[in-house]
Amino acid sequence: NGSNSGTINIPTTVDGIFEGNETINGQIANLTGAPAGVTIGTANATGIIDDADDSGITVDLSANTAVEGNDIIFTATMSTVNNTGADIVVDINDL
């Protein structure tokens, strides 16, 4: 009523499952109630739901020693299986 825009709220739910970010696609079409002579087209929109769930993944590193000139080898062990399909990256600069 007297406005040329509106808001559509789509609720999301924290489900406790770490699945990474999700994409939602929406379309508005075939609206009714427009004044005579006004044409309402089709509109498409995409939104991203940032996953708020904790992965529950911790990485334990066991350190070894090495003689100068040889590599130090760390063994990384995750506390759970990665079911996300995404790579898990351990940055040694953060250790």
PDB file of N, CA and C in Angstrom:
ATOM      1  N   ASN A   1       0.835  -1.171   0.000  1.00  0.00           N
ATOM      2  CA  ASN A   1       0.000   0.000   0.000  1.00  0.00           C
ATOM      3  C   ASN A   1       0.884   1.241   0.000  1.00  0.00           C
ATOM      4  N   GLY A   2       1.068   1.859  -1.157  1.00  0.00           N
ATOM      5  CA  GLY A   2       1.905   3.039  -1.248  1.00  0.00           C
ATOM      6  C   GLY A   2       3.384   2.744  -1.213  1.00  0.00           C
ATOM      7  N   SER A   3       3.778   1.525  -1.445  1.00  0.00           N
ATOM      8  CA  SER A   3       5.185   1.142  -1.394  1.00  0.00           C
ATOM      9  C   SER A   3       5.568   0.426  -2.678  1.00  0.00           C
ATOM     10  N   ASN A   4       6.822   0.560  -3.077  1.00  0.00           N
ATOM     11  CA  ASN A   4       7.288  -0.146  -4.265  1.00  0.00           C
ATOM     12  C   ASN A   4       8.257  -1.285  -3.923  1.00  0.00           C
ATOM     13  N   SER A   5       8.321  -1.663  -2.637  1.00  0.00           N
ATOM     14  CA  SER A   5       9.169  -2.791  -2.238  1.00  0.00           C
ATOM     15  C   SER A   5       8.568  -3.464  -1.014  1.00  0.00           C
ATOM     16  N   GLY A   6       9.037  -4.650  -0.743  1.00  0.00           N
ATOM     17  CA  GLY A   6       8.561  -5.395   0.411  1.00  0.00           C
ATOM     18  C   GLY A   6       9.621  -6.381   0.850  1.00  0.00           C
ATOM     19  N   THR A   7       9.347  -7.092   1.888  1.00  0.00           N
ATOM     20  CA  THR A   7      10.301  -8.036   2.456  1.00  0.00           C
ATOM     21  C   THR A   7       9.668  -9.412   2.562  1.00  0.00           C
ATOM     22  N   ILE A   8      10.447 -10.423   2.218  1.00  0.00           N
ATOM     23  CA  ILE A   8      10.024 -11.807   2.403  1.00  0.00           C
ATOM     24  C   ILE A   8      11.017 -12.447   3.355  1.00  0.00           C
ATOM     25  N   ASN A   9      10.533 -12.940   4.477  1.00  0.00           N
ATOM     26  CA  ASN A   9      11.398 -13.599   5.455  1.00  0.00           C
ATOM     27  C   ASN A   9      11.309 -15.110   5.275  1.00  0.00           C
ATOM     28  N   ILE A  10      12.455 -15.762   5.173  1.00  0.00           N
ATOM     29  CA  ILE A  10      12.517 -17.217   5.086  1.00  0.00           C
ATOM     30  C   ILE A  10      13.286 -17.700   6.308  1.00  0.00           C
ATOM     31  N   PRO A  11      12.603 -18.325   7.257  1.00  0.00           N
ATOM     32  CA  PRO A  11      13.296 -18.758   8.477  1.00  0.00           C
ATOM     33  C   PRO A  11      14.269 -19.904   8.201  1.00  0.00           C
ATOM     34  N   THR A  12      15.372 -19.922   8.942  1.00  0.00           N
ATOM     35  CA  THR A  12      16.340 -21.018   8.885  1.00  0.00           C
ATOM     36  C   THR A  12      16.431 -21.635  10.270  1.00  0.00           C
ATOM     37  N   THR A  13      16.984 -22.829  10.340  1.00  0.00           N
ATOM     38  CA  THR A  13      17.044 -23.556  11.601  1.00  0.00           C
ATOM     39  C   THR A  13      18.452 -24.047  11.865  1.00  0.00           C
ATOM     40  N   VAL A  14      18.927 -23.857  13.090  1.00  0.00           N
ATOM     41  CA  VAL A  14      20.188 -24.461  13.509  1.00  0.00           C
ATOM     42  C   VAL A  14      19.865 -25.912  13.813  1.00  0.00           C
ATOM     43  N   ASP A  15      20.454 -26.816  13.024  1.00  0.00           N
ATOM     44  CA  ASP A  15      20.082 -28.228  13.146  1.00  0.00           C
ATOM     45  C   ASP A  15      21.133 -29.090  13.831  1.00  0.00           C
ATOM     46  N   GLY A  16      22.251 -28.511  14.231  1.00  0.00           N
ATOM     47  CA  GLY A  16      23.280 -29.282  14.918  1.00  0.00           C
ATOM     48  C   GLY A  16      24.091 -30.173  14.003  1.00  0.00           C
ATOM     49  N   ILE A  17      23.881 -30.061  12.696  1.00  0.00           N
ATOM     50  CA  ILE A  17      24.624 -30.875  11.734  1.00  0.00           C
ATOM     51  C   ILE A  17      25.564 -29.961  10.955  1.00  0.00           C
ATOM     52  N   PHE A  18      26.863 -30.269  10.995  1.00  0.00           N
ATOM     53  CA  PHE A  18      27.831 -29.482  10.237  1.00  0.00           C
ATOM     54  C   PHE A  18      27.808 -29.952   8.792  1.00  0.00           C
ATOM     55  N   GLU A  19      27.251 -29.117   7.910  1.00  0.00           N
ATOM     56  CA  GLU A  19      27.179 -29.493   6.504  1.00  0.00           C
ATOM     57  C   GLU A  19      27.753 -28.425   5.593  1.00  0.00           C
ATOM     58  N   GLY A  20      28.399 -27.436   6.138  1.00  0.00           N
ATOM     59  CA  GLY A  20      28.908 -26.352   5.306  1.00  0.00           C
ATOM     60  C   GLY A  20      27.791 -25.402   4.933  1.00  0.00           C
ATOM     61  N   ASN A  21      28.133 -24.373   4.168  1.00  0.00           N
ATOM     62  CA  ASN A  21      27.141 -23.386   3.764  1.00  0.00           C
ATOM     63  C   ASN A  21      26.167 -23.993   2.763  1.00  0.00           C
ATOM     64  N   GLU A  22      24.938 -23.502   2.781  1.00  0.00           N
ATOM     65  CA  GLU A  22      23.901 -23.993   1.879  1.00  0.00           C
ATOM     66  C   GLU A  22      23.374 -22.834   1.037  1.00  0.00           C
ATOM     67  N   THR A  23      22.938 -23.153  -0.168  1.00  0.00           N
ATOM     68  CA  THR A  23      22.395 -22.145  -1.076  1.00  0.00           C
ATOM     69  C   THR A  23      20.898 -22.363  -1.217  1.00  0.00           C
ATOM     70  N   ILE A  24      20.157 -21.266  -1.198  1.00  0.00           N
ATOM     71  CA  ILE A  24      18.710 -21.332  -1.402  1.00  0.00           C
ATOM     72  C   ILE A  24      18.385 -20.468  -2.626  1.00  0.00           C
ATOM     73  N   ASN A  25      17.592 -21.025  -3.518  1.00  0.00           N
ATOM     74  CA  ASN A  25      17.158 -20.306  -4.711  1.00  0.00           C
ATOM     75  C   ASN A  25      15.657 -20.086  -4.613  1.00  0.00           C
ATOM     76  N   GLY A  26      15.225 -18.902  -4.984  1.00  0.00           N
ATOM     77  CA  GLY A  26      13.797 -18.594  -4.923  1.00  0.00           C
ATOM     78  C   GLY A  26      13.342 -17.863  -6.166  1.00  0.00           C
ATOM     79  N   GLN A  27      12.060 -17.938  -6.399  1.00  0.00           N
ATOM     80  CA  GLN A  27      11.474 -17.261  -7.550  1.00  0.00           C
ATOM     81  C   GLN A  27      10.109 -16.718  -7.159  1.00  0.00           C
ATOM     82  N   ILE A  28       9.853 -15.484  -7.567  1.00  0.00           N
ATOM     83  CA  ILE A  28       8.533 -14.878  -7.381  1.00  0.00           C
ATOM     84  C   ILE A  28       7.923 -14.740  -8.768  1.00  0.00           C
ATOM     85  N   ALA A  29       6.744 -15.291  -8.924  1.00  0.00           N
ATOM     86  CA  ALA A  29       6.087 -15.230 -10.231  1.00  0.00           C
ATOM     87  C   ALA A  29       4.574 -15.255 -10.031  1.00  0.00           C
ATOM     88  N   ASN A  30       3.867 -14.823 -11.034  1.00  0.00           N
ATOM     89  CA  ASN A  30       2.402 -14.890 -11.058  1.00  0.00           C
ATOM     90  C   ASN A  30       1.753 -14.207  -9.854  1.00  0.00           C
ATOM     91  N   LEU A  31       2.225 -13.035  -9.524  1.00  0.00           N
ATOM     92  CA  LEU A  31       1.617 -12.298  -8.423  1.00  0.00           C
ATOM     93  C   LEU A  31       0.241 -11.783  -8.846  1.00  0.00           C
ATOM     94  N   THR A  32      -0.633 -11.688  -7.887  1.00  0.00           N
ATOM     95  CA  THR A  32      -1.984 -11.191  -8.179  1.00  0.00           C
ATOM     96  C   THR A  32      -2.233  -9.919  -7.384  1.00  0.00           C
ATOM     97  N   GLY A  33      -3.208  -9.186  -7.784  1.00  0.00           N
ATOM     98  CA  GLY A  33      -3.607  -7.998  -7.053  1.00  0.00           C
ATOM     99  C   GLY A  33      -2.962  -6.713  -7.542  1.00  0.00           C
ATOM    100  N   ALA A  34      -2.275  -6.758  -8.673  1.00  0.00           N
ATOM    101  CA  ALA A  34      -1.653  -5.540  -9.193  1.00  0.00           C
ATOM    102  C   ALA A  34      -2.723  -4.622  -9.783  1.00  0.00           C
ATOM    103  N   PRO A  35      -2.528  -3.314  -9.689  1.00  0.00           N
ATOM    104  CA  PRO A  35      -3.493  -2.369 -10.284  1.00  0.00           C
ATOM    105  C   PRO A  35      -3.590  -2.579 -11.795  1.00  0.00           C
ATOM    106  N   ALA A  36      -4.693  -2.173 -12.369  1.00  0.00           N
ATOM    107  CA  ALA A  36      -4.896  -2.301 -13.814  1.00  0.00           C
ATOM    108  C   ALA A  36      -3.755  -1.633 -14.567  1.00  0.00           C
ATOM    109  N   GLY A  37      -3.252  -2.307 -15.586  1.00  0.00           N
ATOM    110  CA  GLY A  37      -2.183  -1.745 -16.412  1.00  0.00           C
ATOM    111  C   GLY A  37      -0.787  -2.010 -15.894  1.00  0.00           C
ATOM    112  N   VAL A  38      -0.666  -2.603 -14.722  1.00  0.00           N
ATOM    113  CA  VAL A  38       0.654  -2.901 -14.151  1.00  0.00           C
ATOM    114  C   VAL A  38       0.985  -4.364 -14.422  1.00  0.00           C
ATOM    115  N   THR A  39       2.146  -4.599 -14.993  1.00  0.00           N
ATOM    116  CA  THR A  39       2.592  -5.965 -15.277  1.00  0.00           C
ATOM    117  C   THR A  39       3.634  -6.360 -14.245  1.00  0.00           C
ATOM    118  N   ILE A  40       3.451  -7.511 -13.659  1.00  0.00           N
ATOM    119  CA  ILE A  40       4.409  -8.010 -12.678  1.00  0.00           C
ATOM    120  C   ILE A  40       5.163  -9.163 -13.319  1.00  0.00           C
ATOM    121  N   GLY A  41       6.470  -9.013 -13.454  1.00  0.00           N
ATOM    122  CA  GLY A  41       7.295 -10.040 -14.070  1.00  0.00           C
ATOM    123  C   GLY A  41       7.726 -11.097 -13.070  1.00  0.00           C
ATOM    124  N   THR A  42       8.650 -11.923 -13.499  1.00  0.00           N
ATOM    125  CA  THR A  42       9.210 -12.976 -12.663  1.00  0.00           C
ATOM    126  C   THR A  42      10.546 -12.508 -12.113  1.00  0.00           C
ATOM    127  N   ALA A  43      10.784 -12.770 -10.840  1.00  0.00           N
ATOM    128  CA  ALA A  43      12.047 -12.373 -10.206  1.00  0.00           C
ATOM    129  C   ALA A  43      12.699 -13.602  -9.586  1.00  0.00           C
ATOM    130  N   ASN A  44      14.006 -13.747  -9.791  1.00  0.00           N
ATOM    131  CA  ASN A  44      14.779 -14.835  -9.206  1.00  0.00           C
ATOM    132  C   ASN A  44      15.761 -14.278  -8.189  1.00  0.00           C
ATOM    133  N   ALA A  45      16.024 -15.055  -7.151  1.00  0.00           N
ATOM    134  CA  ALA A  45      16.972 -14.622  -6.117  1.00  0.00           C
ATOM    135  C   ALA A  45      17.720 -15.839  -5.582  1.00  0.00           C
ATOM    136  N   THR A  46      18.950 -15.615  -5.139  1.00  0.00           N
ATOM    137  CA  THR A  46      19.765 -16.661  -4.528  1.00  0.00           C
ATOM    138  C   THR A  46      20.281 -16.143  -3.196  1.00  0.00           C
ATOM    139  N   GLY A  47      20.206 -16.975  -2.182  1.00  0.00           N
ATOM    140  CA  GLY A  47      20.733 -16.612  -0.863  1.00  0.00           C
ATOM    141  C   GLY A  47      21.653 -17.712  -0.368  1.00  0.00           C
ATOM    142  N   ILE A  48      22.550 -17.362   0.522  1.00  0.00           N
ATOM    143  CA  ILE A  48      23.471 -18.332   1.108  1.00  0.00           C
ATOM    144  C   ILE A  48      23.226 -18.385   2.611  1.00  0.00           C
ATOM    145  N   ILE A  49      23.043 -19.590   3.130  1.00  0.00           N
ATOM    146  CA  ILE A  49      22.874 -19.795   4.566  1.00  0.00           C
ATOM    147  C   ILE A  49      24.232 -20.218   5.120  1.00  0.00           C
ATOM    148  N   ASP A  50      24.855 -19.357   5.909  1.00  0.00           N
ATOM    149  CA  ASP A  50      26.140 -19.689   6.536  1.00  0.00           C
ATOM    150  C   ASP A  50      25.881 -20.691   7.651  1.00  0.00           C
ATOM    151  N   ASP A  51      26.553 -21.836   7.577  1.00  0.00           N
ATOM    152  CA  ASP A  51      26.350 -22.887   8.574  1.00  0.00           C
ATOM    153  C   ASP A  51      26.875 -22.420   9.925  1.00  0.00           C
ATOM    154  N   ALA A  52      26.010 -22.374  10.921  1.00  0.00           N
ATOM    155  CA  ALA A  52      26.378 -21.925  12.260  1.00  0.00           C
ATOM    156  C   ALA A  52      26.738 -23.083  13.175  1.00  0.00           C
ATOM    157  N   ASP A  53      26.606 -24.301  12.661  1.00  0.00           N
ATOM    158  CA  ASP A  53      26.865 -25.468  13.492  1.00  0.00           C
ATOM    159  C   ASP A  53      28.367 -25.721  13.598  1.00  0.00           C
ATOM    160  N   ASP A  54      28.796 -26.096  14.777  1.00  0.00           N
ATOM    161  CA  ASP A  54      30.197 -26.423  15.010  1.00  0.00           C
ATOM    162  C   ASP A  54      30.496 -27.773  14.388  1.00  0.00           C
ATOM    163  N   SER A  55      31.612 -27.858  13.699  1.00  0.00           N
ATOM    164  CA  SER A  55      31.972 -29.108  13.040  1.00  0.00           C
ATOM    165  C   SER A  55      32.280 -30.209  14.037  1.00  0.00           C
ATOM    166  N   GLY A  56      32.657 -29.834  15.255  1.00  0.00           N
ATOM    167  CA  GLY A  56      33.058 -30.839  16.225  1.00  0.00           C
ATOM    168  C   GLY A  56      34.396 -31.456  15.898  1.00  0.00           C
ATOM    169  N   ILE A  57      35.065 -30.896  14.907  1.00  0.00           N
ATOM    170  CA  ILE A  57      36.352 -31.447  14.483  1.00  0.00           C
ATOM    171  C   ILE A  57      37.479 -30.754  15.234  1.00  0.00           C
ATOM    172  N   THR A  58      38.313 -31.539  15.856  1.00  0.00           N
ATOM    173  CA  THR A  58      39.554 -31.024  16.417  1.00  0.00           C
ATOM    174  C   THR A  58      40.687 -31.805  15.769  1.00  0.00           C
ATOM    175  N   VAL A  59      41.815 -31.170  15.622  1.00  0.00           N
ATOM    176  CA  VAL A  59      42.967 -31.823  15.008  1.00  0.00           C
ATOM    177  C   VAL A  59      44.073 -31.890  16.039  1.00  0.00           C
ATOM    178  N   ASP A  60      44.524 -33.083  16.301  1.00  0.00           N
ATOM    179  CA  ASP A  60      45.652 -33.289  17.211  1.00  0.00           C
ATOM    180  C   ASP A  60      46.891 -33.553  16.379  1.00  0.00           C
ATOM    181  N   LEU A  61      47.956 -32.851  16.697  1.00  0.00           N
ATOM    182  CA  LEU A  61      49.210 -33.035  15.979  1.00  0.00           C
ATOM    183  C   LEU A  61      50.245 -33.646  16.907  1.00  0.00           C
ATOM    184  N   SER A  62      50.885 -34.679  16.436  1.00  0.00           N
ATOM    185  CA  SER A  62      52.003 -35.222  17.203  1.00  0.00           C
ATOM    186  C   SER A  62      53.280 -34.811  16.495  1.00  0.00           C
ATOM    187  N   ALA A  63      54.191 -34.208  17.240  1.00  0.00           N
ATOM    188  CA  ALA A  63      55.423 -33.690  16.652  1.00  0.00           C
ATOM    189  C   ALA A  63      56.552 -34.695  16.816  1.00  0.00           C
ATOM    190  N   ASN A  64      57.394 -34.723  15.835  1.00  0.00           N
ATOM    191  CA  ASN A  64      58.592 -35.542  15.871  1.00  0.00           C
ATOM    192  C   ASN A  64      59.796 -34.624  15.834  1.00  0.00           C
ATOM    193  N   THR A  65      60.938 -35.183  16.007  1.00  0.00           N
ATOM    194  CA  THR A  65      62.167 -34.408  15.901  1.00  0.00           C
ATOM    195  C   THR A  65      62.928 -34.872  14.671  1.00  0.00           C
ATOM    196  N   ALA A  66      63.818 -34.026  14.193  1.00  0.00           N
ATOM    197  CA  ALA A  66      64.614 -34.377  13.025  1.00  0.00           C
ATOM    198  C   ALA A  66      65.996 -33.771  13.162  1.00  0.00           C
ATOM    199  N   VAL A  67      66.936 -34.415  12.557  1.00  0.00           N
ATOM    200  CA  VAL A  67      68.298 -33.897  12.480  1.00  0.00           C
ATOM    201  C   VAL A  67      68.315 -32.808  11.425  1.00  0.00           C
ATOM    202  N   GLU A  68      69.110 -31.757  11.643  1.00  0.00           N
ATOM    203  CA  GLU A  68      69.208 -30.668  10.671  1.00  0.00           C
ATOM    204  C   GLU A  68      69.362 -31.205   9.262  1.00  0.00           C
ATOM    205  N   GLY A  69      68.607 -30.586   8.336  1.00  0.00           N
ATOM    206  CA  GLY A  69      68.664 -30.999   6.947  1.00  0.00           C
ATOM    207  C   GLY A  69      67.581 -32.005   6.574  1.00  0.00           C
ATOM    208  N   ASN A  70      66.917 -32.571   7.568  1.00  0.00           N
ATOM    209  CA  ASN A  70      65.828 -33.511   7.321  1.00  0.00           C
ATOM    210  C   ASN A  70      64.500 -32.861   7.678  1.00  0.00           C
ATOM    211  N   ASP A  71      63.437 -33.375   7.104  1.00  0.00           N
ATOM    212  CA  ASP A  71      62.099 -32.848   7.380  1.00  0.00           C
ATOM    213  C   ASP A  71      61.616 -33.298   8.746  1.00  0.00           C
ATOM    214  N   ILE A  72      60.854 -32.403   9.418  1.00  0.00           N
ATOM    215  CA  ILE A  72      60.101 -32.806  10.608  1.00  0.00           C
ATOM    216  C   ILE A  72      58.728 -33.216  10.120  1.00  0.00           C
ATOM    217  N   ILE A  73      58.279 -34.370  10.529  1.00  0.00           N
ATOM    218  CA  ILE A  73      56.998 -34.893  10.069  1.00  0.00           C
ATOM    219  C   ILE A  73      55.999 -34.821  11.218  1.00  0.00           C
ATOM    220  N   PHE A  74      54.857 -34.158  10.964  1.00  0.00           N
ATOM    221  CA  PHE A  74      53.761 -34.099  11.920  1.00  0.00           C
ATOM    222  C   PHE A  74      52.677 -35.061  11.460  1.00  0.00           C
ATOM    223  N   THR A  75      52.065 -35.739  12.380  1.00  0.00           N
ATOM    224  CA  THR A  75      50.925 -36.596  12.057  1.00  0.00           C
ATOM    225  C   THR A  75      49.669 -35.907  12.573  1.00  0.00           C
ATOM    226  N   ALA A  76      48.721 -35.638  11.665  1.00  0.00           N
ATOM    227  CA  ALA A  76      47.464 -34.983  12.037  1.00  0.00           C
ATOM    228  C   ALA A  76      46.377 -36.043  12.150  1.00  0.00           C
ATOM    229  N   THR A  77      45.667 -36.039  13.266  1.00  0.00           N
ATOM    230  CA  THR A  77      44.570 -36.974  13.485  1.00  0.00           C
ATOM    231  C   THR A  77      43.318 -36.181  13.807  1.00  0.00           C
ATOM    232  N   MET A  78      42.253 -36.399  13.024  1.00  0.00           N
ATOM    233  CA  MET A  78      40.992 -35.704  13.259  1.00  0.00           C
ATOM    234  C   MET A  78      40.132 -36.501  14.219  1.00  0.00           C
ATOM    235  N   SER A  79      39.316 -35.787  14.997  1.00  0.00           N
ATOM    236  CA  SER A  79      38.464 -36.428  15.997  1.00  0.00           C
ATOM    237  C   SER A  79      37.197 -37.015  15.404  1.00  0.00           C
ATOM    238  N   THR A  80      36.907 -36.714  14.147  1.00  0.00           N
ATOM    239  CA  THR A  80      35.698 -37.228  13.496  1.00  0.00           C
ATOM    240  C   THR A  80      35.957 -37.332  12.005  1.00  0.00           C
ATOM    241  N   VAL A  81      35.079 -37.977  11.299  1.00  0.00           N
ATOM    242  CA  VAL A  81      35.210 -38.139   9.851  1.00  0.00           C
ATOM    243  C   VAL A  81      34.679 -36.885   9.155  1.00  0.00           C
ATOM    244  N   ASN A  82      35.376 -36.430   8.129  1.00  0.00           N
ATOM    245  CA  ASN A  82      34.946 -35.273   7.356  1.00  0.00           C
ATOM    246  C   ASN A  82      33.886 -35.707   6.351  1.00  0.00           C
ATOM    247  N   ASN A  83      32.612 -35.392   6.642  1.00  0.00           N
ATOM    248  CA  ASN A  83      31.505 -35.734   5.745  1.00  0.00           C
ATOM    249  C   ASN A  83      31.036 -34.545   4.914  1.00  0.00           C
ATOM    250  N   THR A  84      31.782 -33.443   4.948  1.00  0.00           N
ATOM    251  CA  THR A  84      31.320 -32.229   4.275  1.00  0.00           C
ATOM    252  C   THR A  84      31.639 -32.220   2.792  1.00  0.00           C
ATOM    253  N   GLY A  85      32.607 -33.004   2.367  1.00  0.00           N
ATOM    254  CA  GLY A  85      33.059 -32.932   0.985  1.00  0.00           C
ATOM    255  C   GLY A  85      34.058 -31.812   0.774  1.00  0.00           C
ATOM    256  N   ALA A  86      34.283 -30.997   1.793  1.00  0.00           N
ATOM    257  CA  ALA A  86      35.241 -29.889   1.695  1.00  0.00           C
ATOM    258  C   ALA A  86      36.595 -30.326   2.234  1.00  0.00           C
ATOM    259  N   ASP A  87      37.645 -29.730   1.688  1.00  0.00           N
ATOM    260  CA  ASP A  87      38.985 -30.019   2.174  1.00  0.00           C
ATOM    261  C   ASP A  87      39.177 -29.443   3.559  1.00  0.00           C
ATOM    262  N   ILE A  88      39.898 -30.145   4.402  1.00  0.00           N
ATOM    263  CA  ILE A  88      40.322 -29.638   5.703  1.00  0.00           C
ATOM    264  C   ILE A  88      41.776 -29.217   5.542  1.00  0.00           C
ATOM    265  N   VAL A  89      42.081 -27.963   5.827  1.00  0.00           N
ATOM    266  CA  VAL A  89      43.424 -27.435   5.631  1.00  0.00           C
ATOM    267  C   VAL A  89      44.007 -27.061   6.980  1.00  0.00           C
ATOM    268  N   VAL A  90      45.204 -27.549   7.254  1.00  0.00           N
ATOM    269  CA  VAL A  90      45.924 -27.178   8.467  1.00  0.00           C
ATOM    270  C   VAL A  90      47.060 -26.263   8.051  1.00  0.00           C
ATOM    271  N   ASP A  91      47.013 -25.020   8.507  1.00  0.00           N
ATOM    272  CA  ASP A  91      48.036 -24.038   8.174  1.00  0.00           C
ATOM    273  C   ASP A  91      49.116 -24.090   9.232  1.00  0.00           C
ATOM    274  N   ILE A  92      50.314 -24.496   8.860  1.00  0.00           N
ATOM    275  CA  ILE A  92      51.383 -24.627   9.862  1.00  0.00           C
ATOM    276  C   ILE A  92      51.794 -23.296  10.437  1.00  0.00           C
ATOM    277  N   ASN A  93      51.423 -22.195   9.791  1.00  0.00           N
ATOM    278  CA  ASN A  93      51.734 -20.878  10.349  1.00  0.00           C
ATOM    279  C   ASN A  93      50.908 -20.586  11.596  1.00  0.00           C
ATOM    280  N   ASP A  94      49.795 -21.290  11.770  1.00  0.00           N
ATOM    281  CA  ASP A  94      48.928 -21.075  12.926  1.00  0.00           C
ATOM    282  C   ASP A  94      49.298 -21.953  14.109  1.00  0.00           C
ATOM    283  N   LEU A  95      50.251 -22.841  13.928  1.00  0.00           N
ATOM    284  CA  LEU A  95      50.615 -23.777  14.996  1.00  0.00           C
ATOM    285  C   LEU A  95      51.542 -23.121  15.988  1.00  0.00           C
TER     286      LEU A  95
END
